[in-house]
Amino acid sequence: MRAVRGLWRWRGNPLRRGTDLAEAWVALTALLLILSVAPLIGVLVGGAAQNSLQRSVREQHESRHRVTATVLRALERSPLAVDPEGASSGEELRSRVLAAWTGPDGSRHEGPVLVGIDRPDGGDRFAMWTDARGREAARPLDAETATTHAVLAGTGTAVAVAALVEAARRTVVWRLVRGRYARLEQEWERAGPDWGRTGAGS
């Protein structure tokens, strides 16, 4: 709005300098870019991220399988054993156990895993994710989380583009102001010898 008011104010003002009008046009252009181009680029980036992430979600759900494992015995709890999926939701540290499970291909497996059981005992059962060969795998990304990441990517891109446009506007205005002061200094140098003389130049 300041850009529009600036253009209107300087439109017919006899004191208007070329740089004043240029600054107003630069501000108006930057405003239009921030309101139109930045959101458009954000939507395009967010859409591309959504397509890529949803494709990844489908691939992960096709290649990873949920199986039931059995606790053989509890292992010493590691203070660094944190579930990255549960850390954001405030879950406690997970327990480390030696477990056995059968993979989707019928193969038998045994090894240390992290479980969300506070006091695991031998024989306790829990769900875990594996690949097609029964090897332990991370939980697949869900569609809702993928959409959230895509929205954040689009929003971040739009904000970054808006910040870039504003930085460009400030740079252009800074150069215009420097040029204005340089011309003013030249004018003062030319007027200096006659400054203060009555009737100088008449």
Protein backbone atom coordinates (compact mmCIF):
# COMPACT_ATOMS: atom_id res chain seq x y z
CA MET A 1 0.00 0.00 0.00
CA ARG A 2 2.87 2.38 0.68
CA ALA A 3 4.11 1.72 -2.84
CA VAL A 4 0.72 2.61 -4.33
CA ARG A 5 0.43 5.72 -2.14
CA GLY A 6 3.98 6.67 -3.09
CA LEU A 7 3.22 6.43 -6.80
CA TRP A 8 0.05 8.48 -6.38
CA ARG A 9 1.79 11.10 -4.21
CA TRP A 10 4.66 11.60 -6.65
CA ARG A 11 2.48 11.38 -9.76
CA GLY A 12 2.12 15.12 -10.32
CA ASN A 13 4.39 16.58 -7.63
CA PRO A 14 6.70 19.29 -9.03
CA LEU A 15 9.32 18.36 -6.40
CA ARG A 16 9.42 14.78 -7.63
CA ARG A 17 12.84 13.40 -8.43
CA GLY A 18 13.40 10.54 -10.82
CA THR A 19 14.65 8.35 -8.00
CA ASP A 20 11.49 8.99 -5.96
CA LEU A 21 9.34 7.59 -8.72
CA ALA A 22 11.80 4.74 -9.29
CA GLU A 23 11.69 3.78 -5.60
CA ALA A 24 7.90 3.73 -5.67
CA TRP A 25 7.85 1.53 -8.79
CA VAL A 26 10.42 -0.83 -7.28
CA ALA A 27 8.34 -1.13 -4.10
CA LEU A 28 5.15 -1.78 -6.08
CA THR A 29 6.88 -4.41 -8.24
CA ALA A 30 8.29 -6.13 -5.14
CA LEU A 31 4.84 -6.12 -3.53
CA LEU A 32 3.24 -7.71 -6.58
CA LEU A 33 5.97 -10.36 -6.75
CA ILE A 34 5.60 -11.18 -3.06
CA LEU A 35 1.81 -11.45 -3.34
CA SER A 36 1.70 -13.43 -6.58
CA VAL A 37 4.98 -15.09 -7.60
CA ALA A 38 6.15 -16.21 -4.14
CA PRO A 39 2.91 -18.10 -3.34
CA LEU A 40 2.85 -19.60 -6.84
CA ILE A 41 6.39 -20.93 -6.50
CA GLY A 42 5.53 -22.21 -3.02
CA VAL A 43 2.52 -24.11 -4.40
CA LEU A 44 4.60 -25.60 -7.23
CA VAL A 45 7.38 -26.72 -4.88
CA GLY A 46 4.87 -28.04 -2.33
CA GLY A 47 3.05 -29.96 -5.07
CA ALA A 48 6.27 -31.48 -6.37
CA ALA A 49 7.30 -32.44 -2.83
CA GLN A 50 3.85 -33.95 -2.20
CA ASN A 51 4.05 -36.10 -5.34
CA SER A 52 7.57 -37.28 -4.50
CA LEU A 53 6.78 -38.00 -0.85
CA GLN A 54 3.52 -39.82 -1.60
CA ARG A 55 5.37 -41.96 -4.14
CA SER A 56 7.93 -42.73 -1.43
CA VAL A 57 5.09 -43.61 0.97
CA ARG A 58 3.66 -46.10 -1.53
CA GLU A 59 7.07 -47.64 -2.21
CA GLN A 60 7.84 -47.99 1.50
CA HIS A 61 4.48 -49.59 2.25
CA GLU A 62 5.02 -52.04 -0.62
CA SER A 63 8.54 -53.00 0.47
CA ARG A 64 8.08 -53.07 4.26
CA HIS A 65 5.96 -55.52 6.19
CA ARG A 66 4.51 -55.53 9.69
CA VAL A 67 5.27 -58.74 11.57
CA THR A 68 4.83 -59.97 15.14
CA ALA A 69 7.99 -60.60 17.17
CA THR A 70 8.50 -62.34 20.51
CA VAL A 71 10.75 -61.11 23.30
CA LEU A 72 13.38 -63.70 24.24
CA ARG A 73 14.98 -61.63 26.99
CA ALA A 74 15.55 -58.04 27.97
CA LEU A 75 18.91 -56.45 27.22
CA GLU A 76 20.67 -53.63 29.02
CA ARG A 77 18.89 -50.37 28.30
CA SER A 78 20.97 -47.83 26.42
CA PRO A 79 20.46 -44.16 27.39
CA LEU A 80 20.67 -43.32 23.67
CA ALA A 81 17.95 -45.78 22.65
CA VAL A 82 15.30 -43.33 21.51
CA ASP A 83 12.66 -44.07 18.90
CA PRO A 84 12.91 -41.25 16.31
CA GLU A 85 9.21 -41.67 15.50
CA GLY A 86 8.17 -41.37 19.13
CA ALA A 87 10.59 -38.62 20.14
CA SER A 88 8.39 -35.93 18.63
CA SER A 89 5.29 -37.21 20.43
CA GLY A 90 7.01 -37.27 23.82
CA GLU A 91 7.35 -41.03 24.26
CA GLU A 92 9.77 -42.39 26.87
CA LEU A 93 13.00 -44.16 26.00
CA ARG A 94 12.32 -47.54 24.45
CA SER A 95 13.50 -50.85 25.86
CA ARG A 96 16.17 -52.94 24.15
CA VAL A 97 15.43 -56.66 23.90
CA LEU A 98 16.59 -59.79 22.15
CA ALA A 99 13.67 -60.85 19.97
CA ALA A 100 12.76 -63.51 17.45
CA TRP A 101 10.44 -63.12 14.47
CA THR A 102 9.45 -64.71 11.20
CA GLY A 103 9.90 -62.67 8.03
CA PRO A 104 7.31 -62.34 5.26
CA ASP A 105 9.24 -64.94 3.26
CA GLY A 106 9.05 -67.46 6.12
CA SER A 107 12.67 -66.99 7.26
CA ARG A 108 13.45 -67.02 11.00
CA HIS A 109 15.35 -64.11 12.53
CA GLU A 110 16.73 -63.23 15.92
CA GLY A 111 18.43 -60.06 17.11
CA PRO A 112 18.39 -56.99 19.36
CA VAL A 113 15.55 -54.53 18.72
CA LEU A 114 13.92 -51.56 20.43
CA VAL A 115 10.40 -52.05 21.74
CA GLY A 116 7.81 -49.76 23.27
CA ILE A 117 7.36 -52.02 26.31
CA ASP A 118 8.27 -50.52 29.68
CA ARG A 119 9.26 -53.77 31.43
CA PRO A 120 9.65 -56.45 28.74
CA ASP A 121 9.61 -60.10 29.79
CA GLY A 122 10.36 -63.25 27.83
CA GLY A 123 7.34 -64.23 25.76
CA ASP A 124 5.98 -60.70 25.34
CA ARG A 125 4.84 -60.06 21.78
CA PHE A 126 5.09 -56.82 19.83
CA ALA A 127 4.77 -55.57 16.24
CA MET A 128 7.77 -54.54 14.19
CA TRP A 129 8.59 -53.67 10.58
CA THR A 130 10.83 -55.70 8.27
CA ASP A 131 11.80 -55.77 4.60
CA ALA A 132 10.75 -58.56 2.25
CA ARG A 133 13.59 -60.78 3.54
CA GLY A 134 12.64 -60.32 7.18
CA ARG A 135 15.41 -57.90 8.09
CA GLU A 136 14.45 -55.18 10.56
CA ALA A 137 13.39 -51.95 8.84
CA ALA A 138 12.23 -48.52 9.91
CA ARG A 139 8.54 -47.77 10.12
CA PRO A 140 7.28 -46.59 6.71
CA LEU A 141 6.36 -42.96 6.26
CA ASP A 142 2.62 -42.34 6.52
CA ALA A 143 0.63 -40.20 4.09
CA GLU A 144 -0.31 -37.56 6.69
CA THR A 145 3.31 -36.96 7.69
CA ALA A 146 4.32 -36.77 4.02
CA THR A 147 1.64 -34.13 3.40
CA THR A 148 2.85 -32.12 6.40
CA HIS A 149 6.42 -32.18 5.06
CA ALA A 150 5.18 -31.08 1.63
CA VAL A 151 3.20 -28.16 3.12
CA LEU A 152 6.25 -27.09 5.13
CA ALA A 153 8.43 -27.28 2.00
CA GLY A 154 5.99 -25.14 0.01
CA THR A 155 5.57 -22.60 2.81
CA GLY A 156 9.32 -22.37 3.38
CA THR A 157 9.94 -21.86 -0.32
CA ALA A 158 7.32 -19.09 -0.54
CA VAL A 159 8.83 -17.32 2.47
CA ALA A 160 12.34 -17.67 1.02
CA VAL A 161 11.24 -16.22 -2.34
CA ALA A 162 9.50 -13.31 -0.57
CA ALA A 163 12.64 -12.65 1.48
CA LEU A 164 14.76 -12.75 -1.69
CA VAL A 165 12.46 -10.24 -3.42
CA GLU A 166 12.58 -7.94 -0.40
CA ALA A 167 16.39 -8.18 -0.27
CA ALA A 168 16.54 -7.29 -3.97
CA ARG A 169 14.22 -4.32 -3.38
CA ARG A 170 16.36 -3.04 -0.54
CA THR A 171 19.50 -3.42 -2.65
CA VAL A 172 17.97 -1.45 -5.55
CA VAL A 173 16.72 1.30 -3.21
CA TRP A 174 20.14 1.47 -1.53
CA ARG A 175 21.80 1.96 -4.93
CA LEU A 176 19.25 4.62 -5.88
CA VAL A 177 19.86 6.51 -2.63
CA ARG A 178 23.64 6.29 -3.08
CA GLY A 179 23.31 7.63 -6.61
CA ARG A 180 21.07 10.44 -5.36
CA TYR A 181 23.58 11.48 -2.70
CA ALA A 182 26.43 11.29 -5.21
CA ARG A 183 24.59 13.65 -7.58
CA LEU A 184 23.73 15.96 -4.68
CA GLU A 185 27.39 16.08 -3.68
CA GLN A 186 28.38 16.96 -7.23
CA GLU A 187 25.81 19.78 -7.28
CA TRP A 188 27.18 21.14 -3.98
CA GLU A 189 30.72 21.06 -5.37
CA ARG A 190 29.63 23.06 -8.38
CA ALA A 191 27.71 25.55 -6.23
CA GLY A 192 30.47 25.77 -3.58
CA PRO A 193 32.56 28.64 -5.01
CA ASP A 194 29.48 30.86 -5.35
CA TRP A 195 27.83 29.86 -2.06
CA GLY A 196 26.99 32.88 0.10
CA ARG A 197 27.81 35.49 -2.55
CA THR A 198 25.05 38.03 -3.01
CA GLY A 199 23.91 38.14 -6.60
CA ALA A 200 26.24 35.32 -7.61
CA GLY A 201 25.58 34.16 -11.13
CA SER A 202 23.33 37.13 -11.94
